[in-house]
């Protein structure tokens, strides 16, 4: 199976359960291939949880969910040691982070120390319990959700911690036609709450995923494309509307994502269009707008659109 076949299958199967979020599905497919994590932002009911469950079902991977709340502790994420009265010994009880596809639901409802525990596991691909480092399963992807309209009692992720995510994906409302299709499916008895009942099948596996990953690793990135990525990142750092621009990590992840995009389109090389199409989801959560820019109605996406139009791509 090559990259374009993987993407077509991914899009087709997840689309059986999730209606009207094609771009989110594409970005999550890229994230799975390049070992990235995704921050999903959208109002309730647009399919954030269903997306995570569908990915796990499609790839026949173990799925876990953590409902973040203000009283959560780091041990509730990574695990803890438990004393066995019968044997008079301590044994390690791994936390829910030891899974393949982890849904961190409403991550901004937990305090900073809990968020940090998860973000450390995301970056290090392991946790330290009782002085021993334990590796997380492979593959491992975190889909963290947050609600953009309700901030009371929440702890927004600092921009520096959001930098750990490959993409920030904004899930909007489906179109009227897509909502009509969704209602028709429910009315016909298709259970869209459960991916398997919606028809999602485990037709991909870890072996297919590893094959595509090897293909992506072999995709060629010319020096001019790399320079283009650097120039885009530098432009965010000098933009008058921004107090903080994209990090070097953002450049690396954008390049990796562009390679996956090229593989999905059955090409052996990255084009400037691959980079431009992924610029907003890869950079938007890493930028800090100046107050005067926010007052003027600017957003990270509008600034990135201006930068993309000003930085000349290679020919």
Protein backbone atom coordinates (compact mmCIF):
# COMPACT_ATOMS: atom_id res chain seq x y z
CA UNK A 1 0.00 0.00 0.00
CA UNK A 2 1.35 3.41 -0.96
CA UNK A 3 0.59 6.82 0.48
CA UNK A 4 -2.23 7.74 -1.90
CA UNK A 5 -3.99 4.41 -1.28
CA UNK A 6 -3.57 4.82 2.47
CA UNK A 7 -5.05 8.32 2.35
CA UNK A 8 -7.96 7.29 0.14
CA UNK A 9 -8.82 4.40 2.45
CA UNK A 10 -8.41 6.58 5.56
CA UNK A 11 -10.67 9.28 4.13
CA UNK A 12 -13.29 6.84 2.89
CA UNK A 13 -13.60 4.80 6.07
CA UNK A 14 -13.57 7.70 8.55
CA UNK A 15 -16.06 9.50 6.30
CA UNK A 16 -18.58 6.72 6.97
CA UNK A 17 -18.91 8.02 10.53
CA UNK A 18 -17.83 11.66 10.31
CA UNK A 19 -19.75 13.95 7.98
CA UNK A 20 -18.45 17.32 6.80
CA UNK A 21 -14.95 17.35 8.31
CA UNK A 22 -12.83 16.30 5.33
CA UNK A 23 -9.96 18.68 6.09
CA UNK A 24 -9.73 17.49 9.70
CA UNK A 25 -9.62 13.88 8.48
CA UNK A 26 -6.80 14.73 6.02
CA UNK A 27 -4.75 16.47 8.70
CA UNK A 28 -5.24 13.61 11.17
CA UNK A 29 -4.11 11.12 8.50
CA UNK A 30 -0.92 13.16 8.06
CA UNK A 31 -0.41 13.32 11.83
CA UNK A 32 -0.74 9.54 12.19
CA UNK A 33 1.87 8.99 9.47
CA UNK A 34 4.45 11.47 10.81
CA UNK A 35 3.93 10.59 14.49
CA UNK A 36 2.41 13.96 15.33
CA UNK A 37 -0.26 15.00 17.80
CA UNK A 38 -3.34 17.08 17.03
CA UNK A 39 -5.17 19.77 18.99
CA UNK A 40 -8.83 19.73 17.95
CA UNK A 41 -10.85 22.87 18.60
CA UNK A 42 -14.55 23.09 17.95
CA UNK A 43 -17.92 23.57 19.56
CA UNK A 44 -19.64 20.51 21.08
CA UNK A 45 -21.20 18.06 18.67
CA UNK A 46 -19.02 18.50 15.57
CA UNK A 47 -17.37 15.08 15.83
CA UNK A 48 -14.12 15.49 17.76
CA UNK A 49 -14.59 12.34 19.86
CA UNK A 50 -15.98 10.38 16.91
CA UNK A 51 -12.91 11.28 14.85
CA UNK A 52 -10.55 9.80 17.45
CA UNK A 53 -12.62 6.63 17.84
CA UNK A 54 -12.85 6.19 14.08
CA UNK A 55 -9.07 6.44 13.64
CA UNK A 56 -8.50 3.80 16.31
CA UNK A 57 -11.10 1.51 14.74
CA UNK A 58 -9.75 1.94 11.22
CA UNK A 59 -6.16 1.11 12.23
CA UNK A 60 -7.17 -1.64 14.71
CA UNK A 61 -5.43 0.25 17.50
CA UNK A 62 -6.13 0.47 21.21
CA UNK A 63 -8.22 3.52 22.09
CA UNK A 64 -8.20 5.40 25.38
CA UNK A 65 -9.95 8.48 26.67
CA UNK A 66 -9.22 10.85 29.54
CA UNK A 67 -11.92 13.32 30.56
CA UNK A 68 -9.94 16.26 31.90
CA UNK A 69 -11.38 17.91 35.02
CA UNK A 70 -10.01 20.44 37.55
CA UNK A 71 -9.48 17.76 40.21
CA UNK A 72 -7.38 15.47 37.99
CA UNK A 73 -3.85 14.60 39.18
CA UNK A 74 -0.76 13.70 37.10
CA UNK A 75 -0.90 10.13 38.44
CA UNK A 76 -4.35 9.81 36.89
CA UNK A 77 -2.65 10.27 33.52
CA UNK A 78 0.66 8.42 33.69
CA UNK A 79 -0.06 5.88 36.45
CA UNK A 80 1.15 5.22 39.96
CA UNK A 81 2.51 2.52 42.24
CA UNK A 82 0.08 0.49 44.33
CA UNK A 83 0.92 -1.40 47.52
CA UNK A 84 -0.07 -5.08 47.51
CA UNK A 85 -0.98 -6.03 51.07
CA UNK A 86 -0.80 -9.75 50.35
CA UNK A 87 2.71 -9.70 48.87
CA UNK A 88 3.85 -6.60 50.79
CA UNK A 89 5.31 -5.09 47.66
CA UNK A 90 4.63 -2.14 45.42
CA UNK A 91 3.52 -2.74 41.84
CA UNK A 92 3.19 -0.18 39.07
CA UNK A 93 -0.25 0.44 37.68
CA UNK A 94 0.09 2.15 34.28
CA UNK A 95 -2.23 5.05 33.54
CA UNK A 96 -4.52 5.55 30.55
CA UNK A 97 -1.71 7.23 28.59
CA UNK A 98 -0.45 3.72 27.77
CA UNK A 99 -2.53 3.28 24.65
CA UNK A 100 -2.25 3.90 20.90
CA UNK A 101 -4.88 6.57 20.21
CA UNK A 102 -5.55 8.77 23.23
CA UNK A 103 -8.38 11.28 23.32
CA UNK A 104 -7.54 14.02 25.83
CA UNK A 105 -11.03 15.43 26.11
CA UNK A 106 -11.29 19.10 27.11
CA UNK A 107 -7.61 19.33 27.96
CA UNK A 108 -8.04 22.96 29.01
CA UNK A 109 -10.20 21.94 31.99
CA UNK A 110 -7.25 20.46 33.89
CA UNK A 111 -4.60 22.48 35.81
CA UNK A 112 -1.13 23.08 34.43
CA UNK A 113 0.62 20.19 36.24
CA UNK A 114 -1.77 17.66 34.69
CA UNK A 115 -1.42 19.19 31.24
CA UNK A 116 2.37 19.08 31.68
CA UNK A 117 2.28 15.36 32.55
CA UNK A 118 0.51 14.57 29.29
CA UNK A 119 2.64 16.92 27.19
CA UNK A 120 5.84 15.39 28.59
CA UNK A 121 4.59 11.93 27.62
CA UNK A 122 3.77 13.24 24.14
CA UNK A 123 7.24 14.65 23.62
CA UNK A 124 9.31 11.93 25.28
CA UNK A 125 7.13 9.00 24.14
CA UNK A 126 7.47 7.59 27.63
CA UNK A 127 6.93 8.29 31.32
CA UNK A 128 8.98 7.79 34.48
CA UNK A 129 7.34 5.65 37.15
CA UNK A 130 9.15 4.64 40.32
CA UNK A 131 12.48 5.72 38.87
CA UNK A 132 12.07 3.65 35.72
CA UNK A 133 11.38 5.00 32.25
CA UNK A 134 8.55 3.18 30.54
CA UNK A 135 8.06 3.57 26.82
CA UNK A 136 4.62 4.25 25.43
CA UNK A 137 3.11 1.90 22.83
CA UNK A 138 3.89 2.50 19.17
CA UNK A 139 2.11 4.00 17.37
CA UNK A 140 1.03 6.68 19.83
CA UNK A 141 -1.04 9.72 18.90
CA UNK A 142 -2.83 12.20 21.12
CA UNK A 143 -5.94 13.99 19.94
CA UNK A 144 -6.62 16.72 22.48
CA UNK A 145 -9.87 18.67 22.35
CA UNK A 146 -10.85 22.07 23.65
CA UNK A 147 -14.02 24.12 23.44
CA UNK A 148 -13.44 27.58 21.94
CA UNK A 149 -16.57 29.20 23.37
CA UNK A 150 -16.52 28.32 27.06
CA UNK A 151 -13.60 29.50 29.17
CA UNK A 152 -15.11 29.63 32.65
CA UNK A 153 -13.24 27.24 34.94
CA UNK A 154 -10.63 26.38 32.31
CA UNK A 155 -6.84 26.54 32.15
CA UNK A 156 -5.90 27.44 28.56
CA UNK A 157 -2.81 25.70 27.22
CA UNK A 158 0.16 28.08 27.17
CA UNK A 159 1.47 28.77 23.67
CA UNK A 160 4.80 27.17 24.60
CA UNK A 161 3.00 23.92 25.41
CA UNK A 162 0.80 24.08 22.32
CA UNK A 163 4.07 23.93 20.36
CA UNK A 164 4.15 20.18 21.11
CA UNK A 165 1.22 19.63 18.75
CA UNK A 166 1.81 19.11 15.05
CA UNK A 167 -1.50 20.68 14.05
CA UNK A 168 -4.26 22.75 15.55
CA UNK A 169 -7.38 21.76 13.65
CA UNK A 170 -10.47 23.93 13.82
CA UNK A 171 -13.65 21.93 13.29
CA UNK A 172 -16.50 24.11 12.10
CA UNK A 173 -20.12 23.38 11.36
CA UNK A 174 -20.89 21.15 8.36
CA UNK A 175 -22.70 22.68 5.39
CA UNK A 176 -26.48 22.43 5.16
CA UNK A 177 -26.21 19.61 2.61
CA UNK A 178 -23.81 17.70 4.85
CA UNK A 179 -26.12 18.13 7.83
CA UNK A 180 -29.00 16.81 5.70
CA UNK A 181 -26.88 13.76 4.88
CA UNK A 182 -26.08 13.24 8.56
CA UNK A 183 -29.76 13.42 9.52
CA UNK A 184 -30.63 10.99 6.73
CA UNK A 185 -28.08 8.49 8.03
CA UNK A 186 -29.45 8.72 11.58
CA UNK A 187 -33.01 8.41 10.29
CA UNK A 188 -32.02 5.27 8.35
CA UNK A 189 -30.73 3.70 11.55
CA UNK A 190 -27.00 4.23 10.99
CA UNK A 191 -25.45 4.70 14.44
CA UNK A 192 -22.96 7.53 13.88
CA UNK A 193 -22.00 7.59 17.55
CA UNK A 194 -20.21 4.24 17.18
CA UNK A 195 -17.71 3.97 14.28
CA UNK A 196 -18.27 0.23 13.86
CA UNK A 197 -22.05 0.63 13.67
CA UNK A 198 -21.50 3.41 11.15
CA UNK A 199 -19.56 0.98 8.97
CA UNK A 200 -15.95 1.85 9.81
CA UNK A 201 -13.86 -1.32 9.48
CA UNK A 202 -10.30 -2.11 10.61
CA UNK A 203 -9.03 -2.36 7.04
CA UNK A 204 -5.65 -0.76 7.80
CA UNK A 205 -3.09 -1.99 10.28
CA UNK A 206 0.29 -1.12 11.76
CA UNK A 207 2.12 -2.91 8.94
CA UNK A 208 0.41 -0.71 6.34
CA UNK A 209 1.17 2.35 8.43
CA UNK A 210 4.85 1.46 8.65
CA UNK A 211 4.99 0.95 4.88
CA UNK A 212 3.63 4.45 4.29
CA UNK A 213 6.02 5.89 6.88
CA UNK A 214 8.97 4.44 4.97
CA UNK A 215 7.61 5.95 1.76
CA UNK A 216 7.26 9.36 3.42
CA UNK A 217 10.81 9.19 4.75
CA UNK A 218 12.06 8.75 1.18
CA UNK A 219 10.20 11.78 -0.22
CA UNK A 220 12.64 14.36 -1.59
CA UNK A 221 12.73 17.89 -0.18
CA UNK A 222 14.85 20.21 -2.31
CA UNK A 223 17.03 22.83 -0.68
CA UNK A 224 14.83 25.58 -2.12
CA UNK A 225 11.79 24.09 -0.39
CA UNK A 226 13.65 23.94 2.91
CA UNK A 227 14.71 27.54 2.45
CA UNK A 228 11.08 28.45 1.71
CA UNK A 229 9.98 26.90 5.02
CA UNK A 230 12.68 28.82 6.90
CA UNK A 231 11.69 32.08 5.23
CA UNK A 232 8.04 31.55 6.20
CA UNK A 233 9.04 30.93 9.82
CA UNK A 234 11.34 33.96 9.85
CA UNK A 235 8.52 36.10 8.46
CA UNK A 236 6.34 35.19 11.45
CA UNK A 237 9.10 36.29 13.82
CA UNK A 238 9.41 39.71 12.19
CA UNK A 239 5.70 40.33 11.52
CA UNK A 240 4.58 43.51 13.32
CA UNK A 241 1.28 41.85 14.27
CA UNK A 242 3.00 39.06 16.22
CA UNK A 243 4.74 39.03 19.59
CA UNK A 244 5.93 35.45 19.07
CA UNK A 245 6.61 33.64 15.81
CA UNK A 246 7.05 30.02 14.79
CA UNK A 247 9.68 27.87 16.50
CA UNK A 248 12.36 25.69 14.89
CA UNK A 249 10.25 22.70 15.90
CA UNK A 250 7.45 24.16 13.79
CA UNK A 251 9.74 24.21 10.75
CA UNK A 252 10.71 20.55 11.20
CA UNK A 253 7.12 19.41 11.69
CA UNK A 254 5.88 21.43 8.72
CA UNK A 255 8.51 19.81 6.49
CA UNK A 256 7.57 16.32 7.71
CA UNK A 257 3.89 17.01 7.16
CA UNK A 258 4.56 18.33 3.66
CA UNK A 259 6.37 15.08 2.83
CA UNK A 260 3.31 13.11 3.92
CA UNK A 261 1.09 15.36 1.83
CA UNK A 262 3.27 14.68 -1.20
CA UNK A 263 3.03 10.92 -0.61
CA UNK A 264 -0.76 11.19 -0.35
CA UNK A 265 -0.76 12.79 -3.81
CA UNK A 266 1.52 10.05 -5.17
CA UNK A 267 4.55 12.29 -5.68
CA UNK A 268 8.18 11.66 -4.80
CA UNK A 269 8.95 15.30 -4.01
CA UNK A 270 7.52 18.19 -1.99
CA UNK A 271 6.12 21.25 -3.77
CA UNK A 272 5.56 24.78 -2.43
CA UNK A 273 1.82 24.11 -2.54
CA UNK A 274 2.28 21.24 -0.08
CA UNK A 275 3.92 23.66 2.34
CA UNK A 276 1.36 26.44 1.84
CA UNK A 277 -1.61 24.10 2.31
CA UNK A 278 -0.31 23.06 5.73
CA UNK A 279 1.03 26.42 6.91
CA UNK A 280 -2.02 27.55 8.89
CA UNK A 281 -2.74 24.31 10.83
CA UNK A 282 0.97 23.81 11.55
CA UNK A 283 1.71 27.39 12.69
CA UNK A 284 -1.54 28.96 13.99
CA UNK A 285 -1.23 27.66 17.56
CA UNK A 286 2.41 28.69 17.91
CA UNK A 287 1.87 32.41 17.32
CA UNK A 288 1.03 35.16 19.82
CA UNK A 289 -0.81 38.17 18.45
CA UNK A 290 -0.03 41.64 19.75
CA UNK A 291 -2.98 43.28 21.55
CA UNK A 292 -3.33 46.01 18.93
CA UNK A 293 -3.57 43.36 16.19
CA UNK A 294 -6.34 41.54 18.07
CA UNK A 295 -8.23 44.82 18.52
CA UNK A 296 -7.93 45.39 14.77
CA UNK A 297 -9.61 42.02 14.15
CA UNK A 298 -6.51 40.12 13.07
CA UNK A 299 -6.16 36.41 13.77
CA UNK A 300 -3.24 34.00 13.44
CA UNK A 301 -4.77 32.71 10.21
CA UNK A 302 -5.12 36.14 8.62
CA UNK A 303 -1.52 36.98 9.51
CA UNK A 304 -0.32 33.68 8.05
CA UNK A 305 -2.32 34.31 4.88
CA UNK A 306 -0.60 37.69 4.50
CA UNK A 307 2.81 36.11 5.08
CA UNK A 308 2.12 33.36 2.53
CA UNK A 309 1.21 35.99 -0.06
CA UNK A 310 4.36 38.05 0.65
CA UNK A 311 6.97 35.27 0.76
CA UNK A 312 7.72 34.23 -2.81
CA UNK A 313 7.72 30.43 -3.25
CA UNK A 314 10.47 28.75 -5.26
CA UNK A 315 9.79 27.96 -8.90
